[in-house]
PDB file of N, CA and C in Angstrom:
ATOM      1  N   MET A   1      43.833 -50.494 -58.080  1.00  0.00           N
ATOM      2  CA  MET A   1      45.127 -50.980 -57.849  1.00  0.00           C
ATOM      3  C   MET A   1      44.502 -52.338 -56.995  1.00  0.00           C
ATOM      4  N   PRO A   2      45.068 -53.391 -57.412  1.00  0.00           N
ATOM      5  CA  PRO A   2      44.346 -54.985 -56.521  1.00  0.00           C
ATOM      6  C   PRO A   2      44.855 -54.426 -55.529  1.00  0.00           C
ATOM      7  N   ALA A   3      44.357 -55.209 -53.944  1.00  0.00           N
ATOM      8  CA  ALA A   3      44.066 -55.476 -53.318  1.00  0.00           C
ATOM      9  C   ALA A   3      45.188 -56.401 -53.019  1.00  0.00           C
ATOM     10  N   LEU A   4      46.374 -56.150 -51.779  1.00  0.00           N
ATOM     11  CA  LEU A   4      47.148 -57.360 -51.297  1.00  0.00           C
ATOM     12  C   LEU A   4      46.669 -57.876 -49.873  1.00  0.00           C
ATOM     13  N   PRO A   5      46.814 -59.063 -49.640  1.00  0.00           N
ATOM     14  CA  PRO A   5      47.083 -59.441 -48.537  1.00  0.00           C
ATOM     15  C   PRO A   5      47.618 -58.857 -47.192  1.00  0.00           C
ATOM     16  N   GLY A   6      47.158 -57.954 -46.347  1.00  0.00           N
ATOM     17  CA  GLY A   6      47.637 -57.290 -45.044  1.00  0.00           C
ATOM     18  C   GLY A   6      48.127 -55.862 -45.588  1.00  0.00           C
ATOM     19  N   VAL A   7      47.525 -55.430 -46.665  1.00  0.00           N
ATOM     20  CA  VAL A   7      47.969 -54.063 -47.149  1.00  0.00           C
ATOM     21  C   VAL A   7      46.713 -53.219 -47.076  1.00  0.00           C
ATOM     22  N   THR A   8      46.783 -52.178 -47.194  1.00  0.00           N
ATOM     23  CA  THR A   8      45.615 -51.278 -47.113  1.00  0.00           C
ATOM     24  C   THR A   8      45.902 -50.229 -48.146  1.00  0.00           C
ATOM     25  N   VAL A   9      45.358 -49.386 -49.546  1.00  0.00           N
ATOM     26  CA  VAL A   9      46.461 -48.669 -50.360  1.00  0.00           C
ATOM     27  C   VAL A   9      44.743 -47.673 -50.347  1.00  0.00           C
ATOM     28  N   GLY A  10      45.392 -46.215 -50.379  1.00  0.00           N
ATOM     29  CA  GLY A  10      44.434 -45.455 -50.567  1.00  0.00           C
ATOM     30  C   GLY A  10      45.191 -44.241 -50.911  1.00  0.00           C
ATOM     31  N   GLN A  11      44.529 -43.281 -51.743  1.00  0.00           N
ATOM     32  CA  GLN A  11      44.939 -42.251 -52.594  1.00  0.00           C
ATOM     33  C   GLN A  11      44.465 -40.786 -51.349  1.00  0.00           C
ATOM     34  N   VAL A  12      45.258 -39.856 -51.132  1.00  0.00           N
ATOM     35  CA  VAL A  12      45.311 -39.091 -50.239  1.00  0.00           C
ATOM     36  C   VAL A  12      45.343 -37.627 -51.334  1.00  0.00           C
ATOM     37  N   THR A  13      44.386 -36.859 -51.238  1.00  0.00           N
ATOM     38  CA  THR A  13      44.621 -35.322 -52.014  1.00  0.00           C
ATOM     39  C   THR A  13      44.777 -34.021 -51.231  1.00  0.00           C
ATOM     40  N   HIS A  14      45.683 -33.478 -51.386  1.00  0.00           N
ATOM     41  CA  HIS A  14      45.614 -32.163 -50.505  1.00  0.00           C
ATOM     42  C   HIS A  14      45.203 -31.042 -51.309  1.00  0.00           C
ATOM     43  N   LYS A  15      44.606 -29.914 -50.269  1.00  0.00           N
ATOM     44  CA  LYS A  15      43.804 -28.947 -51.050  1.00  0.00           C
ATOM     45  C   LYS A  15      44.396 -27.545 -50.395  1.00  0.00           C
ATOM     46  N   VAL A  16      45.003 -26.715 -50.887  1.00  0.00           N
ATOM     47  CA  VAL A  16      45.882 -25.490 -50.649  1.00  0.00           C
ATOM     48  C   VAL A  16      45.171 -24.360 -51.493  1.00  0.00           C
ATOM     49  N   ALA A  17      44.519 -23.261 -50.517  1.00  0.00           N
ATOM     50  CA  ALA A  17      43.923 -21.933 -51.258  1.00  0.00           C
ATOM     51  C   ALA A  17      43.254 -22.339 -52.331  1.00  0.00           C
ATOM     52  N   GLY A  18      42.365 -23.639 -52.722  1.00  0.00           N
ATOM     53  CA  GLY A  18      41.621 -24.091 -53.523  1.00  0.00           C
ATOM     54  C   GLY A  18      42.069 -24.934 -54.738  1.00  0.00           C
ATOM     55  N   ASP A  19      43.721 -24.814 -54.603  1.00  0.00           N
ATOM     56  CA  ASP A  19      44.789 -25.449 -55.842  1.00  0.00           C
ATOM     57  C   ASP A  19      45.083 -26.951 -54.936  1.00  0.00           C
ATOM     58  N   PRO A  20      44.516 -28.344 -55.815  1.00  0.00           N
ATOM     59  CA  PRO A  20      45.189 -29.620 -55.473  1.00  0.00           C
ATOM     60  C   PRO A  20      46.397 -29.886 -55.745  1.00  0.00           C
ATOM     61  N   LEU A  21      47.044 -30.096 -54.543  1.00  0.00           N
ATOM     62  CA  LEU A  21      48.629 -30.856 -54.793  1.00  0.00           C
ATOM     63  C   LEU A  21      48.072 -31.738 -55.462  1.00  0.00           C
ATOM     64  N   PRO A  22      49.933 -32.816 -55.666  1.00  0.00           N
ATOM     65  CA  PRO A  22      49.933 -33.706 -56.489  1.00  0.00           C
ATOM     66  C   PRO A  22      49.093 -34.897 -54.995  1.00  0.00           C
ATOM     67  N   ALA A  23      48.775 -36.019 -56.046  1.00  0.00           N
ATOM     68  CA  ALA A  23      48.391 -36.586 -55.316  1.00  0.00           C
ATOM     69  C   ALA A  23      49.424 -37.838 -54.605  1.00  0.00           C
ATOM     70  N   LEU A  24      49.047 -38.522 -53.356  1.00  0.00           N
ATOM     71  CA  LEU A  24      49.827 -39.097 -52.572  1.00  0.00           C
ATOM     72  C   LEU A  24      48.906 -40.552 -52.409  1.00  0.00           C
ATOM     73  N   ILE A  25      49.872 -41.756 -52.873  1.00  0.00           N
ATOM     74  CA  ILE A  25      49.934 -42.793 -52.066  1.00  0.00           C
ATOM     75  C   ILE A  25      49.818 -43.294 -50.736  1.00  0.00           C
ATOM     76  N   LEU A  26      49.212 -43.840 -50.492  1.00  0.00           N
ATOM     77  CA  LEU A  26      49.615 -44.172 -48.649  1.00  0.00           C
ATOM     78  C   LEU A  26      49.096 -45.601 -49.169  1.00  0.00           C
ATOM     79  N   ILE A  27      50.393 -46.369 -48.557  1.00  0.00           N
ATOM     80  CA  ILE A  27      50.064 -47.681 -48.159  1.00  0.00           C
ATOM     81  C   ILE A  27      50.488 -47.768 -47.008  1.00  0.00           C
ATOM     82  N   GLN A  28      49.842 -48.826 -46.186  1.00  0.00           N
ATOM     83  CA  GLN A  28      50.012 -48.979 -44.764  1.00  0.00           C
ATOM     84  C   GLN A  28      49.223 -50.442 -44.479  1.00  0.00           C
ATOM     85  N   SER A  29      50.215 -51.157 -43.875  1.00  0.00           N
ATOM     86  CA  SER A  29      50.250 -52.594 -43.657  1.00  0.00           C
ATOM     87  C   SER A  29      49.387 -52.621 -42.207  1.00  0.00           C
ATOM     88  N   THR A  30      48.722 -53.951 -42.780  1.00  0.00           N
ATOM     89  CA  THR A  30      47.162 -54.019 -41.640  1.00  0.00           C
ATOM     90  C   THR A  30      47.634 -54.789 -40.457  1.00  0.00           C
ATOM     91  N   THR A  31      48.878 -54.854 -40.570  1.00  0.00           N
ATOM     92  CA  THR A  31      49.294 -56.523 -39.960  1.00  0.00           C
ATOM     93  C   THR A  31      49.663 -55.707 -38.474  1.00  0.00           C
ATOM     94  N   ASP A  32      50.642 -56.180 -37.871  1.00  0.00           N
ATOM     95  CA  ASP A  32      50.845 -55.483 -36.535  1.00  0.00           C
ATOM     96  C   ASP A  32      51.924 -55.048 -36.513  1.00  0.00           C
ATOM     97  N   ASN A  33      52.489 -54.892 -37.471  1.00  0.00           N
ATOM     98  CA  ASN A  33      53.703 -53.643 -37.804  1.00  0.00           C
ATOM     99  C   ASN A  33      53.451 -52.483 -37.981  1.00  0.00           C
ATOM    100  N   PRO A  34      53.833 -51.533 -37.070  1.00  0.00           N
ATOM    101  CA  PRO A  34      53.285 -50.131 -37.019  1.00  0.00           C
ATOM    102  C   PRO A  34      54.280 -49.429 -37.974  1.00  0.00           C
ATOM    103  N   MET A  35      55.367 -49.711 -38.515  1.00  0.00           N
ATOM    104  CA  MET A  35      56.452 -49.286 -39.126  1.00  0.00           C
ATOM    105  C   MET A  35      56.379 -49.323 -40.768  1.00  0.00           C
ATOM    106  N   ALA A  36      55.323 -50.345 -40.921  1.00  0.00           N
ATOM    107  CA  ALA A  36      55.156 -50.482 -42.383  1.00  0.00           C
ATOM    108  C   ALA A  36      54.303 -49.380 -43.097  1.00  0.00           C
ATOM    109  N   THR A  37      54.653 -48.201 -43.212  1.00  0.00           N
ATOM    110  CA  THR A  37      53.847 -47.260 -44.331  1.00  0.00           C
ATOM    111  C   THR A  37      54.740 -46.659 -45.077  1.00  0.00           C
ATOM    112  N   ALA A  38      54.373 -46.417 -46.098  1.00  0.00           N
ATOM    113  CA  ALA A  38      54.866 -45.559 -46.989  1.00  0.00           C
ATOM    114  C   ALA A  38      53.974 -44.436 -47.820  1.00  0.00           C
ATOM    115  N   THR A  39      54.301 -43.749 -48.404  1.00  0.00           N
ATOM    116  CA  THR A  39      53.639 -42.305 -48.992  1.00  0.00           C
ATOM    117  C   THR A  39      54.473 -41.929 -50.070  1.00  0.00           C
ATOM    118  N   TYR A  40      53.772 -41.999 -51.493  1.00  0.00           N
ATOM    119  CA  TYR A  40      54.746 -41.896 -52.677  1.00  0.00           C
ATOM    120  C   TYR A  40      53.855 -40.694 -53.713  1.00  0.00           C
ATOM    121  N   GLN A  41      54.362 -39.927 -53.994  1.00  0.00           N
ATOM    122  CA  GLN A  41      54.092 -38.532 -54.539  1.00  0.00           C
ATOM    123  C   GLN A  41      53.848 -39.053 -56.176  1.00  0.00           C
ATOM    124  N   THR A  42      52.580 -39.061 -56.799  1.00  0.00           N
ATOM    125  CA  THR A  42      52.400 -39.455 -57.857  1.00  0.00           C
ATOM    126  C   THR A  42      52.422 -38.793 -59.283  1.00  0.00           C
ATOM    127  N   ASN A  43      53.074 -37.529 -58.893  1.00  0.00           N
ATOM    128  CA  ASN A  43      52.892 -36.259 -59.546  1.00  0.00           C
ATOM    129  C   ASN A  43      54.328 -35.717 -59.480  1.00  0.00           C
ATOM    130  N   LEU A  44      55.603 -36.518 -59.815  1.00  0.00           N
ATOM    131  CA  LEU A  44      56.681 -36.263 -59.959  1.00  0.00           C
ATOM    132  C   LEU A  44      57.211 -34.914 -60.865  1.00  0.00           C
ATOM    133  N   THR A  45      56.339 -34.953 -61.804  1.00  0.00           N
ATOM    134  CA  THR A  45      56.867 -34.020 -62.806  1.00  0.00           C
ATOM    135  C   THR A  45      56.568 -32.375 -62.319  1.00  0.00           C
ATOM    136  N   ASP A  46      55.662 -31.970 -61.329  1.00  0.00           N
ATOM    137  CA  ASP A  46      55.479 -31.180 -60.629  1.00  0.00           C
ATOM    138  C   ASP A  46      56.492 -30.620 -59.751  1.00  0.00           C
ATOM    139  N   ARG A  47      56.651 -29.518 -60.217  1.00  0.00           N
ATOM    140  CA  ARG A  47      57.745 -28.573 -59.796  1.00  0.00           C
ATOM    141  C   ARG A  47      56.885 -27.397 -58.837  1.00  0.00           C
ATOM    142  N   THR A  48      56.151 -27.279 -58.022  1.00  0.00           N
ATOM    143  CA  THR A  48      55.529 -25.801 -57.538  1.00  0.00           C
ATOM    144  C   THR A  48      55.910 -25.972 -56.355  1.00  0.00           C
ATOM    145  N   TYR A  49      55.273 -25.437 -55.607  1.00  0.00           N
ATOM    146  CA  TYR A  49      55.309 -24.994 -54.219  1.00  0.00           C
ATOM    147  C   TYR A  49      53.920 -24.530 -53.879  1.00  0.00           C
ATOM    148  N   ASN A  50      53.375 -25.427 -53.161  1.00  0.00           N
ATOM    149  CA  ASN A  50      51.913 -24.841 -52.707  1.00  0.00           C
ATOM    150  C   ASN A  50      51.234 -24.247 -53.435  1.00  0.00           C
ATOM    151  N   GLY A  51      51.216 -24.736 -54.789  1.00  0.00           N
ATOM    152  CA  GLY A  51      50.539 -24.131 -55.865  1.00  0.00           C
ATOM    153  C   GLY A  51      51.470 -23.106 -56.581  1.00  0.00           C
ATOM    154  N   TRP A  52      52.298 -22.780 -56.190  1.00  0.00           N
ATOM    155  CA  TRP A  52      52.952 -21.323 -56.850  1.00  0.00           C
ATOM    156  C   TRP A  52      54.393 -21.537 -57.382  1.00  0.00           C
ATOM    157  N   THR A  53      54.848 -21.006 -58.167  1.00  0.00           N
ATOM    158  CA  THR A  53      55.991 -21.459 -58.981  1.00  0.00           C
ATOM    159  C   THR A  53      57.075 -21.620 -58.074  1.00  0.00           C
ATOM    160  N   ASN A  54      57.255 -21.063 -56.599  1.00  0.00           N
ATOM    161  CA  ASN A  54      58.706 -21.658 -55.894  1.00  0.00           C
ATOM    162  C   ASN A  54      58.197 -21.075 -54.499  1.00  0.00           C
ATOM    163  N   TYR A  55      58.776 -21.458 -53.773  1.00  0.00           N
ATOM    164  CA  TYR A  55      59.224 -20.849 -52.629  1.00  0.00           C
ATOM    165  C   TYR A  55      59.314 -19.531 -52.331  1.00  0.00           C
ATOM    166  N   GLU A  56      59.905 -18.793 -52.961  1.00  0.00           N
ATOM    167  CA  GLU A  56      59.940 -17.368 -53.134  1.00  0.00           C
ATOM    168  C   GLU A  56      58.860 -16.321 -53.538  1.00  0.00           C
ATOM    169  N   THR A  57      58.124 -16.899 -54.594  1.00  0.00           N
ATOM    170  CA  THR A  57      56.953 -16.328 -54.948  1.00  0.00           C
ATOM    171  C   THR A  57      55.465 -16.598 -53.806  1.00  0.00           C
ATOM    172  N   TRP A  58      55.413 -17.783 -53.203  1.00  0.00           N
ATOM    173  CA  TRP A  58      54.521 -18.600 -52.515  1.00  0.00           C
ATOM    174  C   TRP A  58      54.807 -17.856 -50.801  1.00  0.00           C
ATOM    175  N   ASN A  59      56.197 -17.057 -50.565  1.00  0.00           N
ATOM    176  CA  ASN A  59      56.327 -16.538 -49.415  1.00  0.00           C
ATOM    177  C   ASN A  59      56.194 -15.215 -49.528  1.00  0.00           C
ATOM    178  N   VAL A  60      56.032 -14.726 -50.513  1.00  0.00           N
ATOM    179  CA  VAL A  60      56.018 -12.916 -50.672  1.00  0.00           C
ATOM    180  C   VAL A  60      54.466 -12.808 -50.901  1.00  0.00           C
ATOM    181  N   VAL A  61      53.763 -13.663 -51.725  1.00  0.00           N
ATOM    182  CA  VAL A  61      52.307 -13.655 -51.570  1.00  0.00           C
ATOM    183  C   VAL A  61      51.720 -14.439 -50.370  1.00  0.00           C
ATOM    184  N   LEU A  62      52.126 -15.048 -49.589  1.00  0.00           N
ATOM    185  CA  LEU A  62      51.725 -15.135 -48.133  1.00  0.00           C
ATOM    186  C   LEU A  62      51.750 -14.217 -47.220  1.00  0.00           C
ATOM    187  N   TRP A  63      52.653 -13.654 -47.467  1.00  0.00           N
ATOM    188  CA  TRP A  63      52.805 -11.773 -46.465  1.00  0.00           C
ATOM    189  C   TRP A  63      51.870 -10.637 -47.296  1.00  0.00           C
ATOM    190  N   ILE A  64      51.686 -11.132 -48.508  1.00  0.00           N
ATOM    191  CA  ILE A  64      50.575 -10.064 -49.007  1.00  0.00           C
ATOM    192  C   ILE A  64      49.879 -10.390 -48.708  1.00  0.00           C
ATOM    193  N   GLU A  65      49.077 -11.505 -48.474  1.00  0.00           N
ATOM    194  CA  GLU A  65      47.501 -11.795 -48.580  1.00  0.00           C
ATOM    195  C   GLU A  65      47.385 -12.178 -47.135  1.00  0.00           C
ATOM    196  N   ASN A  66      48.194 -11.832 -46.241  1.00  0.00           N
ATOM    197  CA  ASN A  66      47.739 -12.779 -44.852  1.00  0.00           C
ATOM    198  C   ASN A  66      48.116 -11.446 -43.778  1.00  0.00           C
ATOM    199  N   ASP A  67      49.282 -10.283 -44.474  1.00  0.00           N
ATOM    200  CA  ASP A  67      49.211  -9.093 -43.556  1.00  0.00           C
ATOM    201  C   ASP A  67      48.794  -8.308 -43.647  1.00  0.00           C
ATOM    202  N   GLU A  68      47.398  -7.951 -42.840  1.00  0.00           N
ATOM    203  CA  GLU A  68      46.190  -6.951 -42.791  1.00  0.00           C
ATOM    204  C   GLU A  68      46.626  -5.654 -43.499  1.00  0.00           C
ATOM    205  N   SER A  69      47.774  -5.047 -42.771  1.00  0.00           N
ATOM    206  CA  SER A  69      48.057  -3.708 -42.899  1.00  0.00           C
ATOM    207  C   SER A  69      48.169  -3.566 -44.440  1.00  0.00           C
ATOM    208  N   ILE A  70      49.243  -4.369 -45.643  1.00  0.00           N
ATOM    209  CA  ILE A  70      49.516  -4.706 -46.331  1.00  0.00           C
ATOM    210  C   ILE A  70      48.189  -4.656 -47.457  1.00  0.00           C
ATOM    211  N   GLN A  71      47.420  -5.341 -46.962  1.00  0.00           N
ATOM    212  CA  GLN A  71      45.782  -5.287 -47.671  1.00  0.00           C
ATOM    213  C   GLN A  71      45.277  -3.947 -47.547  1.00  0.00           C
ATOM    214  N   ASP A  72      44.936  -3.608 -46.173  1.00  0.00           N
ATOM    215  CA  ASP A  72      44.660  -2.173 -46.496  1.00  0.00           C
ATOM    216  C   ASP A  72      45.194  -1.413 -46.775  1.00  0.00           C
ATOM    217  N   TYR A  73      46.519  -1.132 -46.980  1.00  0.00           N
ATOM    218  CA  TYR A  73      47.225  -0.142 -48.229  1.00  0.00           C
ATOM    219  C   TYR A  73      46.809  -0.326 -49.567  1.00  0.00           C
ATOM    220  N   ILE A  74      46.777  -1.711 -50.142  1.00  0.00           N
ATOM    221  CA  ILE A  74      46.276  -2.086 -50.870  1.00  0.00           C
ATOM    222  C   ILE A  74      45.222  -1.388 -51.796  1.00  0.00           C
ATOM    223  N   GLN A  75      44.220  -1.695 -50.769  1.00  0.00           N
ATOM    224  CA  GLN A  75      42.887  -1.429 -51.030  1.00  0.00           C
ATOM    225  C   GLN A  75      42.587   0.004 -51.244  1.00  0.00           C
ATOM    226  N   GLU A  76      43.359   0.732 -50.191  1.00  0.00           N
ATOM    227  CA  GLU A  76      42.909   2.208 -50.162  1.00  0.00           C
ATOM    228  C   GLU A  76      43.504   3.019 -51.298  1.00  0.00           C
ATOM    229  N   HIS A  77      44.833   2.248 -51.247  1.00  0.00           N
ATOM    230  CA  HIS A  77      45.418   3.442 -52.392  1.00  0.00           C
ATOM    231  C   HIS A  77      45.081   2.690 -53.786  1.00  0.00           C
ATOM    232  N   GLU A  78      44.894   2.204 -53.691  1.00  0.00           N
ATOM    233  CA  GLU A  78      44.321   1.109 -55.012  1.00  0.00           C
ATOM    234  C   GLU A  78      45.744   0.856 -55.875  1.00  0.00           C
ATOM    235  N   VAL A  79      46.516   0.100 -55.289  1.00  0.00           N
ATOM    236  CA  VAL A  79      47.523  -0.340 -55.985  1.00  0.00           C
ATOM    237  C   VAL A  79      47.001  -1.395 -56.701  1.00  0.00           C
ATOM    238  N   CYS A  80      47.778  -1.685 -58.290  1.00  0.00           N
ATOM    239  CA  CYS A  80      47.360  -1.913 -58.921  1.00  0.00           C
ATOM    240  C   CYS A  80      48.157  -3.111 -59.481  1.00  0.00           C
ATOM    241  N   CYS A  81      49.610  -2.967 -58.749  1.00  0.00           N
ATOM    242  CA  CYS A  81      50.712  -4.798 -59.700  1.00  0.00           C
ATOM    243  C   CYS A  81      51.456  -4.546 -58.729  1.00  0.00           C
ATOM    244  N   TYR A  82      52.173  -5.592 -58.533  1.00  0.00           N
ATOM    245  CA  TYR A  82      53.487  -5.970 -57.268  1.00  0.00           C
ATOM    246  C   TYR A  82      54.739  -4.796 -57.574  1.00  0.00           C
ATOM    247  N   GLU A  83      54.871  -4.360 -58.614  1.00  0.00           N
ATOM    248  CA  GLU A  83      56.122  -3.119 -58.964  1.00  0.00           C
ATOM    249  C   GLU A  83      55.237  -2.160 -58.050  1.00  0.00           C
ATOM    250  N   GLU A  84      54.569  -1.647 -58.183  1.00  0.00           N
ATOM    251  CA  GLU A  84      53.781  -0.682 -57.188  1.00  0.00           C
ATOM    252  C   GLU A  84      54.178  -0.971 -55.853  1.00  0.00           C
ATOM    253  N   LEU A  85      53.747  -2.190 -55.218  1.00  0.00           N
ATOM    254  CA  LEU A  85      53.896  -2.469 -54.159  1.00  0.00           C
ATOM    255  C   LEU A  85      55.223  -2.472 -53.682  1.00  0.00           C
ATOM    256  N   LEU A  86      55.757  -2.818 -54.425  1.00  0.00           N
ATOM    257  CA  LEU A  86      57.362  -2.994 -54.321  1.00  0.00           C
ATOM    258  C   LEU A  86      57.876  -1.482 -53.902  1.00  0.00           C
ATOM    259  N   ASP A  87      57.508  -0.644 -54.645  1.00  0.00           N
ATOM    260  CA  ASP A  87      58.011   0.555 -54.597  1.00  0.00           C
ATOM    261  C   ASP A  87      57.266   1.365 -53.226  1.00  0.00           C
ATOM    262  N   LEU A  88      56.504   0.828 -52.662  1.00  0.00           N
ATOM    263  CA  LEU A  88      55.939   1.392 -51.257  1.00  0.00           C
ATOM    264  C   LEU A  88      56.939   0.606 -50.549  1.00  0.00           C
ATOM    265  N   PHE A  89      57.523  -0.708 -50.310  1.00  0.00           N
ATOM    266  CA  PHE A  89      58.209  -1.792 -49.701  1.00  0.00           C
ATOM    267  C   PHE A  89      59.028  -0.471 -49.359  1.00  0.00           C
ATOM    268  N   TYR A  90      59.918  -0.450 -50.378  1.00  0.00           N
ATOM    269  CA  TYR A  90      61.482   0.178 -50.609  1.00  0.00           C
ATOM    270  C   TYR A  90      61.113   1.551 -49.955  1.00  0.00           C
ATOM    271  N   ALA A  91      60.199   2.460 -50.372  1.00  0.00           N
ATOM    272  CA  ALA A  91      60.095   3.451 -50.060  1.00  0.00           C
ATOM    273  C   ALA A  91      59.398   3.607 -47.832  1.00  0.00           C
ATOM    274  N   CYS A  92      59.261   2.570 -47.492  1.00  0.00           N
ATOM    275  CA  CYS A  92      59.036   2.350 -46.223  1.00  0.00           C
ATOM    276  C   CYS A  92      60.446   1.379 -45.444  1.00  0.00           C
ATOM    277  N   GLY A  93      61.414   0.989 -46.614  1.00  0.00           N
ATOM    278  CA  GLY A  93      62.327   0.785 -45.998  1.00  0.00           C
ATOM    279  C   GLY A  93      62.769  -1.200 -45.348  1.00  0.00           C
ATOM    280  N   SER A  94      61.522  -1.610 -46.219  1.00  0.00           N
ATOM    281  CA  SER A  94      61.507  -3.109 -46.110  1.00  0.00           C
ATOM    282  C   SER A  94      62.233  -3.611 -47.659  1.00  0.00           C
ATOM    283  N   THR A  95      62.911  -4.864 -47.357  1.00  0.00           N
ATOM    284  CA  THR A  95      63.609  -4.953 -48.222  1.00  0.00           C
ATOM    285  C   THR A  95      63.163  -6.748 -48.797  1.00  0.00           C
ATOM    286  N   GLU A  96      62.702  -7.056 -47.548  1.00  0.00           N
ATOM    287  CA  GLU A  96      62.251  -8.497 -47.260  1.00  0.00           C
ATOM    288  C   GLU A  96      61.412  -9.169 -46.822  1.00  0.00           C
ATOM    289  N   THR A  97      60.478 -10.107 -46.507  1.00  0.00           N
ATOM    290  CA  THR A  97      59.246 -10.714 -45.633  1.00  0.00           C
ATOM    291  C   THR A  97      59.880 -10.818 -44.360  1.00  0.00           C
ATOM    292  N   PRO A  98      59.650 -10.913 -43.957  1.00  0.00           N
ATOM    293  CA  PRO A  98      59.655 -11.482 -42.290  1.00  0.00           C
ATOM    294  C   PRO A  98      60.255 -12.832 -42.429  1.00  0.00           C
ATOM    295  N   ASP A  99      60.349 -13.250 -43.496  1.00  0.00           N
ATOM    296  CA  ASP A  99      61.143 -14.974 -43.380  1.00  0.00           C
ATOM    297  C   ASP A  99      62.123 -14.916 -44.436  1.00  0.00           C
ATOM    298  N   GLY A 100      62.929 -13.540 -44.428  1.00  0.00           N
ATOM    299  CA  GLY A 100      63.895 -13.390 -45.126  1.00  0.00           C
ATOM    300  C   GLY A 100      63.848 -13.296 -46.650  1.00  0.00           C
ATOM    301  N   VAL A 101      62.494 -13.834 -47.246  1.00  0.00           N
ATOM    302  CA  VAL A 101      62.593 -13.589 -48.984  1.00  0.00           C
ATOM    303  C   VAL A 101      62.838 -12.273 -49.202  1.00  0.00           C
ATOM    304  N   LYS A 102      63.476 -12.131 -49.736  1.00  0.00           N
ATOM    305  CA  LYS A 102      63.765 -10.769 -50.929  1.00  0.00           C
ATOM    306  C   LYS A 102      62.765 -10.072 -51.537  1.00  0.00           C
ATOM    307  N   TRP A 103      62.143  -9.003 -51.234  1.00  0.00           N
ATOM    308  CA  TRP A 103      60.543  -8.638 -52.139  1.00  0.00           C
ATOM    309  C   TRP A 103      61.189  -8.946 -53.694  1.00  0.00           C
ATOM    310  N   ALA A 104      62.419  -8.116 -54.041  1.00  0.00           N
ATOM    311  CA  ALA A 104      62.716  -7.814 -55.387  1.00  0.00           C
ATOM    312  C   ALA A 104      63.669  -9.567 -55.797  1.00  0.00           C
ATOM    313  N   ASP A 105      63.381 -10.500 -55.425  1.00  0.00           N
ATOM    314  CA  ASP A 105      64.279 -11.524 -55.515  1.00  0.00           C
ATOM    315  C   ASP A 105      64.185 -11.921 -56.885  1.00  0.00           C
ATOM    316  N   PRO A 106      64.880 -12.156 -57.930  1.00  0.00           N
ATOM    317  CA  PRO A 106      64.561 -12.428 -59.228  1.00  0.00           C
ATOM    318  C   PRO A 106      63.674 -14.123 -59.491  1.00  0.00           C
ATOM    319  N   LYS A 107      63.921 -14.690 -58.479  1.00  0.00           N
ATOM    320  CA  LYS A 107      63.297 -16.097 -58.487  1.00  0.00           C
ATOM    321  C   LYS A 107      61.431 -15.768 -58.081  1.00  0.00           C
ATOM    322  N   VAL A 108      61.179 -14.808 -57.385  1.00  0.00           N
ATOM    323  CA  VAL A 108      59.842 -14.335 -57.649  1.00  0.00           C
ATOM    324  C   VAL A 108      59.152 -13.964 -58.880  1.00  0.00           C
ATOM    325  N   ASN A 109      57.798 -15.041 -59.138  1.00  0.00           N
ATOM    326  CA  ASN A 109      57.386 -14.514 -60.189  1.00  0.00           C
ATOM    327  C   ASN A 109      56.249 -13.650 -60.198  1.00  0.00           C
ATOM    328  N   ARG A 110      56.419 -12.322 -60.949  1.00  0.00           N
ATOM    329  CA  ARG A 110      55.937 -11.575 -60.693  1.00  0.00           C
ATOM    330  C   ARG A 110      55.180 -11.332 -61.679  1.00  0.00           C
ATOM    331  N   VAL A 111      54.701 -12.059 -62.699  1.00  0.00           N
ATOM    332  CA  VAL A 111      53.448 -12.611 -63.312  1.00  0.00           C
ATOM    333  C   VAL A 111      52.516 -13.013 -62.856  1.00  0.00           C
ATOM    334  N   GLU A 112      52.675 -14.126 -62.214  1.00  0.00           N
ATOM    335  CA  GLU A 112      51.985 -15.050 -61.432  1.00  0.00           C
ATOM    336  C   GLU A 112      51.205 -14.339 -60.433  1.00  0.00           C
ATOM    337  N   ILE A 113      52.054 -13.036 -59.672  1.00  0.00           N
ATOM    338  CA  ILE A 113      51.428 -12.967 -58.329  1.00  0.00           C
ATOM    339  C   ILE A 113      50.409 -11.494 -59.002  1.00  0.00           C
ATOM    340  N   ASN A 114      50.834 -10.464 -60.041  1.00  0.00           N
ATOM    341  CA  ASN A 114      50.198  -9.755 -61.197  1.00  0.00           C
ATOM    342  C   ASN A 114      48.544 -10.482 -61.310  1.00  0.00           C
ATOM    343  N   GLY A 115      48.738 -11.867 -61.512  1.00  0.00           N
ATOM    344  CA  GLY A 115      47.768 -12.118 -61.991  1.00  0.00           C
ATOM    345  C   GLY A 115      46.940 -12.882 -60.926  1.00  0.00           C
ATOM    346  N   ASP A 116      47.538 -13.035 -59.892  1.00  0.00           N
ATOM    347  CA  ASP A 116      46.685 -13.457 -58.892  1.00  0.00           C
ATOM    348  C   ASP A 116      46.339 -13.058 -57.766  1.00  0.00           C
ATOM    349  N   VAL A 117      47.136 -11.801 -57.173  1.00  0.00           N
ATOM    350  CA  VAL A 117      47.173 -11.047 -55.998  1.00  0.00           C
ATOM    351  C   VAL A 117      46.410  -9.925 -56.880  1.00  0.00           C
ATOM    352  N   PHE A 118      46.731  -9.563 -57.576  1.00  0.00           N
ATOM    353  CA  PHE A 118      46.239  -8.089 -57.805  1.00  0.00           C
ATOM    354  C   PHE A 118      45.264  -8.183 -59.173  1.00  0.00           C
ATOM    355  N   ASP A 119      44.448  -9.379 -59.447  1.00  0.00           N
ATOM    356  CA  ASP A 119      43.462  -9.320 -60.120  1.00  0.00           C
ATOM    357  C   ASP A 119      42.122  -8.832 -59.949  1.00  0.00           C
ATOM    358  N   PHE A 120      41.621  -7.912 -59.871  1.00  0.00           N
ATOM    359  CA  PHE A 120      40.574  -7.009 -59.330  1.00  0.00           C
ATOM    360  C   PHE A 120      39.902  -6.917 -60.169  1.00  0.00           C
TER     361      PHE A 120
END
């Protein structure tokens, strides 16, 4: 990108769980105007949420991977897939994550979870 007088341009990339999110372009004025900053997402076709299919899938995975009691149960009982874990959740009376996402929400990408979380 050609340099413009009084403007600094930089590319920022973020990584979450090893997956790069879309690159962002940061444009900042080098003049005395502190309000002259803009950020643009360069990959507008990316419809994912933190590297997952959608918010619901991300939230379910967040709780599975970060709740020690769930991880312990998966390891001790050799849970092989998300559907098996769902049976446990419902048997224990749990129907949703602490954030309110239903474990069995049809938006949850079970194939993605089985491939990434239960890929032993």
